[in-house]
Amino acid sequence: MGCVGYDRQHTECQQLDLMWIQALHPKGSVLVRKSVVLEEKTLGGIVFKDPVVRKAKQKLYSKRYYEKNRKQIIKKSKFSKDRARDEWIAYKSKQRCSHCRKKHPAIIDFHHVIKEGKRSVNYLAVKRTNISEAIKEAEEKCIPLCSNCHRILHWDLTRKAMRKRRKKGGH
C-alpha cells in the first residue's frame, strides 16, 4: 500500500500526484494515519469504501475545485451572506419591543424566555446565515426587546439572584 514510515518520524510519499504525510503518534510508535497513500488500482473510478480514503480523496477534490473556481465561490458566498443579512433585517424590522413598543431593526434584541436548548439567535442569523433556524428559535423561545429594555431586564434578574444568594447565605 505505498510507503509507510515506521522507522522514521516523517515519511513523504509521492504517488499518482498525491502527497501524503504519515507521522508517528507522539506518545509511542503507533502510526497515526493522517491520510492514506492511494494505490493505483483504487483510482479507476471505483467507489472508495474505506472512510479514510474517501475523506482524503474528497478533501483533495474540494481543494482543486476551489482553486479552479475561487472567484465564483467567493462571489456566491458574498451574495448568499448579503441575502441572509437582508432577510434577517426584514424579520427584525417587523418586531416590536414587548415592553416599550419601540420598533427598529437596529435596537431589537431577543431575550430567551425558555432557557433549555438555548442558541444565540443573532449567531444563527449572521454568522451561520441560517435565517429560518434563527426565526424558528426566536419565535419559539424568545421575546423581542429593545436593547435598553433587554439590559434593564438582565440587570433586574441579576439583582434578584444576588438578593436570593444573600438571603440563603445569611449575610
C-alpha atoms as a PDB file:
ATOM      1  CA  MET A   1       0.000   0.000   0.000  1.00  0.00           C
ATOM      2  CA  GLY A   2       2.724   2.554  -0.674  1.00  0.00           C
ATOM      3  CA  CYS A   3       5.421   3.614   1.749  1.00  0.00           C
ATOM      4  CA  VAL A   4       4.764   3.633   5.475  1.00  0.00           C
ATOM      5  CA  GLY A   5       7.364   5.137   7.813  1.00  0.00           C
ATOM      6  CA  TYR A   6       7.643   3.068  10.978  1.00  0.00           C
ATOM      7  CA  ASP A   7      11.372   3.673  11.438  1.00  0.00           C
ATOM      8  CA  ARG A   8      11.411   7.436  10.659  1.00  0.00           C
ATOM      9  CA  GLN A   9       9.484  10.323  12.231  1.00  0.00           C
ATOM     10  CA  HIS A  10       8.031  11.542   8.905  1.00  0.00           C
ATOM     11  CA  THR A  11       7.823   9.820   5.539  1.00  0.00           C
ATOM     12  CA  GLU A  12       6.702  11.654   2.427  1.00  0.00           C
ATOM     13  CA  CYS A  13       5.376   9.587  -0.431  1.00  0.00           C
ATOM     14  CA  GLN A  14       4.504  10.939  -3.810  1.00  0.00           C
ATOM     15  CA  GLN A  15       2.293   8.580  -5.718  1.00  0.00           C
ATOM     16  CA  LEU A  16      -0.136   9.455  -8.504  1.00  0.00           C
ATOM     17  CA  ASP A  17       0.415  13.195  -7.955  1.00  0.00           C
ATOM     18  CA  LEU A  18      -0.829  12.961  -4.350  1.00  0.00           C
ATOM     19  CA  MET A  19       1.397  13.910  -1.436  1.00  0.00           C
ATOM     20  CA  TRP A  20       0.553  12.409   1.924  1.00  0.00           C
ATOM     21  CA  ILE A  21       2.457  12.772   5.146  1.00  0.00           C
ATOM     22  CA  GLN A  22       2.339   9.971   7.667  1.00  0.00           C
ATOM     23  CA  ALA A  23       3.622  10.683  11.165  1.00  0.00           C
ATOM     24  CA  LEU A  24       4.282   8.711  14.315  1.00  0.00           C
ATOM     25  CA  HIS A  25       1.978   9.274  17.239  1.00  0.00           C
ATOM     26  CA  PRO A  26       3.830  11.430  19.814  1.00  0.00           C
ATOM     27  CA  LYS A  27       3.091   9.015  22.700  1.00  0.00           C
ATOM     28  CA  GLY A  28       4.646   5.957  21.124  1.00  0.00           C
ATOM     29  CA  SER A  29       5.322   4.001  17.996  1.00  0.00           C
ATOM     30  CA  VAL A  30       1.703   3.718  16.896  1.00  0.00           C
ATOM     31  CA  LEU A  31       1.333   5.091  13.402  1.00  0.00           C
ATOM     32  CA  VAL A  32      -1.394   7.682  13.123  1.00  0.00           C
ATOM     33  CA  ARG A  33      -2.884   7.742   9.653  1.00  0.00           C
ATOM     34  CA  LYS A  34      -3.295  11.394   8.826  1.00  0.00           C
ATOM     35  CA  SER A  35      -4.177  10.138   5.403  1.00  0.00           C
ATOM     36  CA  VAL A  36      -3.658   7.075   3.278  1.00  0.00           C
ATOM     37  CA  VAL A  37      -1.443   6.603   0.251  1.00  0.00           C
ATOM     38  CA  LEU A  38      -3.771   5.500  -2.510  1.00  0.00           C
ATOM     39  CA  GLU A  39      -2.895   2.516  -4.651  1.00  0.00           C
ATOM     40  CA  GLU A  40      -3.093   2.732  -8.440  1.00  0.00           C
ATOM     41  CA  LYS A  41      -5.816   0.109  -8.721  1.00  0.00           C
ATOM     42  CA  THR A  42      -8.190   2.008  -6.396  1.00  0.00           C
ATOM     43  CA  LEU A  43      -8.198   5.128  -8.570  1.00  0.00           C
ATOM     44  CA  GLY A  44     -10.028   3.666 -11.550  1.00  0.00           C
ATOM     45  CA  GLY A  45     -13.443   5.105 -10.709  1.00  0.00           C
ATOM     46  CA  ILE A  46     -14.157   2.516  -8.012  1.00  0.00           C
ATOM     47  CA  VAL A  47     -16.152   3.726  -5.020  1.00  0.00           C
ATOM     48  CA  PHE A  48     -13.865   4.134  -2.018  1.00  0.00           C
ATOM     49  CA  LYS A  49     -15.249   2.064   0.833  1.00  0.00           C
ATOM     50  CA  ASP A  50     -12.538   2.959   3.332  1.00  0.00           C
ATOM     51  CA  PRO A  51     -13.802   6.157   5.025  1.00  0.00           C
ATOM     52  CA  VAL A  52     -10.264   7.493   5.499  1.00  0.00           C
ATOM     53  CA  VAL A  53      -9.510   7.115   1.788  1.00  0.00           C
ATOM     54  CA  ARG A  54     -12.886   8.614   0.840  1.00  0.00           C
ATOM     55  CA  LYS A  55     -12.318  11.603   3.116  1.00  0.00           C
ATOM     56  CA  ALA A  56      -8.791  12.182   1.783  1.00  0.00           C
ATOM     57  CA  LYS A  57      -9.997  11.921  -1.805  1.00  0.00           C
ATOM     58  CA  GLN A  58     -12.891  14.341  -1.150  1.00  0.00           C
ATOM     59  CA  LYS A  59     -10.547  16.820   0.523  1.00  0.00           C
ATOM     60  CA  LEU A  60      -8.231  16.762  -2.493  1.00  0.00           C
ATOM     61  CA  TYR A  61     -11.156  17.144  -4.912  1.00  0.00           C
ATOM     62  CA  SER A  62     -12.579  20.071  -2.887  1.00  0.00           C
ATOM     63  CA  LYS A  63      -9.216  21.819  -2.807  1.00  0.00           C
ATOM     64  CA  ARG A  64      -8.753  21.513  -6.568  1.00  0.00           C
ATOM     65  CA  TYR A  65     -12.337  22.615  -7.259  1.00  0.00           C
ATOM     66  CA  TYR A  66     -11.870  25.695  -5.050  1.00  0.00           C
ATOM     67  CA  GLU A  67      -8.588  26.581  -6.762  1.00  0.00           C
ATOM     68  CA  LYS A  68     -10.242  26.429 -10.201  1.00  0.00           C
ATOM     69  CA  ASN A  69     -13.459  28.252  -9.212  1.00  0.00           C
ATOM     70  CA  ARG A  70     -12.254  30.615  -6.472  1.00  0.00           C
ATOM     71  CA  LYS A  71     -13.788  33.819  -7.877  1.00  0.00           C
ATOM     72  CA  GLN A  72     -17.235  32.284  -8.451  1.00  0.00           C
ATOM     73  CA  ILE A  73     -17.252  30.665  -5.000  1.00  0.00           C
ATOM     74  CA  ILE A  74     -16.355  33.940  -3.273  1.00  0.00           C
ATOM     75  CA  LYS A  75     -18.980  35.816  -5.306  1.00  0.00           C
ATOM     76  CA  LYS A  76     -21.671  33.248  -4.491  1.00  0.00           C
ATOM     77  CA  SER A  77     -20.746  33.262  -0.805  1.00  0.00           C
ATOM     78  CA  LYS A  78     -20.930  37.057  -0.633  1.00  0.00           C
ATOM     79  CA  PHE A  79     -24.288  37.045  -2.408  1.00  0.00           C
ATOM     80  CA  SER A  80     -25.780  34.470  -0.012  1.00  0.00           C
ATOM     81  CA  LYS A  81     -24.453  36.333   3.050  1.00  0.00           C
ATOM     82  CA  ASP A  82     -25.910  39.615   1.767  1.00  0.00           C
ATOM     83  CA  ARG A  83     -29.252  37.949   1.076  1.00  0.00           C
ATOM     84  CA  ALA A  84     -29.299  36.354   4.542  1.00  0.00           C
ATOM     85  CA  ARG A  85     -28.463  39.697   6.175  1.00  0.00           C
ATOM     86  CA  ASP A  86     -31.295  41.406   4.275  1.00  0.00           C
ATOM     87  CA  GLU A  87     -33.758  38.670   5.308  1.00  0.00           C
ATOM     88  CA  TRP A  88     -32.696  38.992   8.952  1.00  0.00           C
ATOM     89  CA  ILE A  89     -33.070  42.784   8.898  1.00  0.00           C
ATOM     90  CA  ALA A  90     -36.512  42.405   7.286  1.00  0.00           C
ATOM     91  CA  TYR A  91     -37.558  39.990  10.061  1.00  0.00           C
ATOM     92  CA  LYS A  92     -36.217  42.246  12.808  1.00  0.00           C
ATOM     93  CA  SER A  93     -37.938  45.309  11.302  1.00  0.00           C
ATOM     94  CA  LYS A  94     -41.320  43.583  11.784  1.00  0.00           C
ATOM     95  CA  GLN A  95     -40.611  43.038  15.504  1.00  0.00           C
ATOM     96  CA  ARG A  96     -41.556  45.442  18.266  1.00  0.00           C
ATOM     97  CA  CYS A  97     -40.202  45.681  21.820  1.00  0.00           C
ATOM     98  CA  SER A  98     -42.517  43.738  24.128  1.00  0.00           C
ATOM     99  CA  HIS A  99     -42.042  46.288  26.908  1.00  0.00           C
ATOM    100  CA  CYS A 100     -41.796  49.820  25.472  1.00  0.00           C
ATOM    101  CA  ARG A 101     -43.223  49.019  21.984  1.00  0.00           C
ATOM    102  CA  LYS A 102     -40.351  50.708  20.052  1.00  0.00           C
ATOM    103  CA  LYS A 103     -39.797  49.333  16.573  1.00  0.00           C
ATOM    104  CA  HIS A 104     -36.481  49.495  14.700  1.00  0.00           C
ATOM    105  CA  PRO A 105     -34.255  46.636  13.473  1.00  0.00           C
ATOM    106  CA  ALA A 106     -31.100  48.219  14.926  1.00  0.00           C
ATOM    107  CA  ILE A 107     -32.372  48.088  18.526  1.00  0.00           C
ATOM    108  CA  ILE A 108     -34.249  44.782  18.640  1.00  0.00           C
ATOM    109  CA  ASP A 109     -32.650  42.008  20.741  1.00  0.00           C
ATOM    110  CA  PHE A 110     -34.143  38.620  21.556  1.00  0.00           C
ATOM    111  CA  HIS A 111     -34.435  37.538  25.184  1.00  0.00           C
ATOM    112  CA  HIS A 112     -34.662  33.795  25.784  1.00  0.00           C
ATOM    113  CA  VAL A 113     -37.663  33.037  27.962  1.00  0.00           C
ATOM    114  CA  ILE A 114     -37.176  29.280  27.517  1.00  0.00           C
ATOM    115  CA  LYS A 115     -33.582  28.542  28.528  1.00  0.00           C
ATOM    116  CA  GLU A 116     -33.456  24.837  27.534  1.00  0.00           C
ATOM    117  CA  GLY A 117     -31.510  24.276  24.333  1.00  0.00           C
ATOM    118  CA  LYS A 118     -30.762  27.994  24.122  1.00  0.00           C
ATOM    119  CA  ARG A 119     -28.880  29.100  20.994  1.00  0.00           C
ATOM    120  CA  SER A 120     -27.866  32.612  20.044  1.00  0.00           C
ATOM    121  CA  VAL A 121     -30.392  33.917  17.549  1.00  0.00           C
ATOM    122  CA  ASN A 122     -28.016  36.539  16.134  1.00  0.00           C
ATOM    123  CA  TYR A 123     -25.236  33.949  15.739  1.00  0.00           C
ATOM    124  CA  LEU A 124     -27.559  31.677  13.760  1.00  0.00           C
ATOM    125  CA  ALA A 125     -28.686  34.531  11.548  1.00  0.00           C
ATOM    126  CA  VAL A 126     -25.495  36.500  10.981  1.00  0.00           C
ATOM    127  CA  LYS A 127     -22.586  34.084  11.308  1.00  0.00           C
ATOM    128  CA  ARG A 128     -24.184  30.863  10.103  1.00  0.00           C
ATOM    129  CA  THR A 129     -26.602  32.606   7.706  1.00  0.00           C
ATOM    130  CA  ASN A 130     -29.338  30.198   8.746  1.00  0.00           C
ATOM    131  CA  ILE A 131     -32.276  32.595   8.832  1.00  0.00           C
ATOM    132  CA  SER A 132     -35.049  30.000   9.025  1.00  0.00           C
ATOM    133  CA  GLU A 133     -33.456  28.388  12.099  1.00  0.00           C
ATOM    134  CA  ALA A 134     -32.898  31.799  13.714  1.00  0.00           C
ATOM    135  CA  ILE A 135     -36.522  32.814  13.135  1.00  0.00           C
ATOM    136  CA  LYS A 136     -37.764  29.490  14.485  1.00  0.00           C
ATOM    137  CA  GLU A 137     -35.601  29.899  17.624  1.00  0.00           C
ATOM    138  CA  ALA A 138     -36.766  33.498  18.088  1.00  0.00           C
ATOM    139  CA  GLU A 139     -40.454  32.666  17.740  1.00  0.00           C
ATOM    140  CA  GLU A 140     -40.419  29.529  19.905  1.00  0.00           C
ATOM    141  CA  LYS A 141     -38.143  30.557  22.769  1.00  0.00           C
ATOM    142  CA  CYS A 142     -37.668  34.343  22.759  1.00  0.00           C
ATOM    143  CA  ILE A 143     -39.408  37.651  23.203  1.00  0.00           C
ATOM    144  CA  PRO A 144     -38.286  40.729  21.268  1.00  0.00           C
ATOM    145  CA  LEU A 145     -36.969  43.577  23.419  1.00  0.00           C
ATOM    146  CA  CYS A 146     -35.184  46.797  22.576  1.00  0.00           C
ATOM    147  CA  SER A 147     -31.576  46.857  23.738  1.00  0.00           C
ATOM    148  CA  ASN A 148     -32.330  49.163  26.690  1.00  0.00           C
ATOM    149  CA  CYS A 149     -35.229  47.058  27.983  1.00  0.00           C
ATOM    150  CA  HIS A 150     -33.145  43.911  27.486  1.00  0.00           C
ATOM    151  CA  ARG A 151     -30.295  45.324  29.586  1.00  0.00           C
ATOM    152  CA  ILE A 152     -32.695  46.518  32.275  1.00  0.00           C
ATOM    153  CA  LEU A 153     -34.317  43.065  32.387  1.00  0.00           C
ATOM    154  CA  HIS A 154     -30.950  41.357  32.839  1.00  0.00           C
ATOM    155  CA  TRP A 155     -29.937  43.922  35.470  1.00  0.00           C
ATOM    156  CA  ASP A 156     -33.103  43.160  37.437  1.00  0.00           C
ATOM    157  CA  LEU A 157     -32.645  39.394  37.084  1.00  0.00           C
ATOM    158  CA  THR A 158     -29.036  39.632  38.288  1.00  0.00           C
ATOM    159  CA  ARG A 159     -30.009  41.800  41.272  1.00  0.00           C
ATOM    160  CA  LYS A 160     -32.799  39.396  42.201  1.00  0.00           C
ATOM    161  CA  ALA A 161     -30.407  36.408  42.036  1.00  0.00           C
ATOM    162  CA  MET A 162     -27.856  38.271  44.201  1.00  0.00           C
ATOM    163  CA  ARG A 163     -30.512  39.051  46.847  1.00  0.00           C
ATOM    164  CA  LYS A 164     -31.547  35.377  46.853  1.00  0.00           C
ATOM    165  CA  ARG A 165     -27.958  34.276  47.408  1.00  0.00           C
ATOM    166  CA  ARG A 166     -27.502  36.758  50.249  1.00  0.00           C
ATOM    167  CA  LYS A 167     -30.666  35.526  51.988  1.00  0.00           C
ATOM    168  CA  LYS A 168     -29.598  31.921  51.505  1.00  0.00           C
ATOM    169  CA  GLY A 169     -26.051  32.586  52.773  1.00  0.00           C
ATOM    170  CA  GLY A 170     -27.251  34.610  55.769  1.00  0.00           C
ATOM    171  CA  HIS A 171     -25.162  37.737  55.086  1.00  0.00           C
END
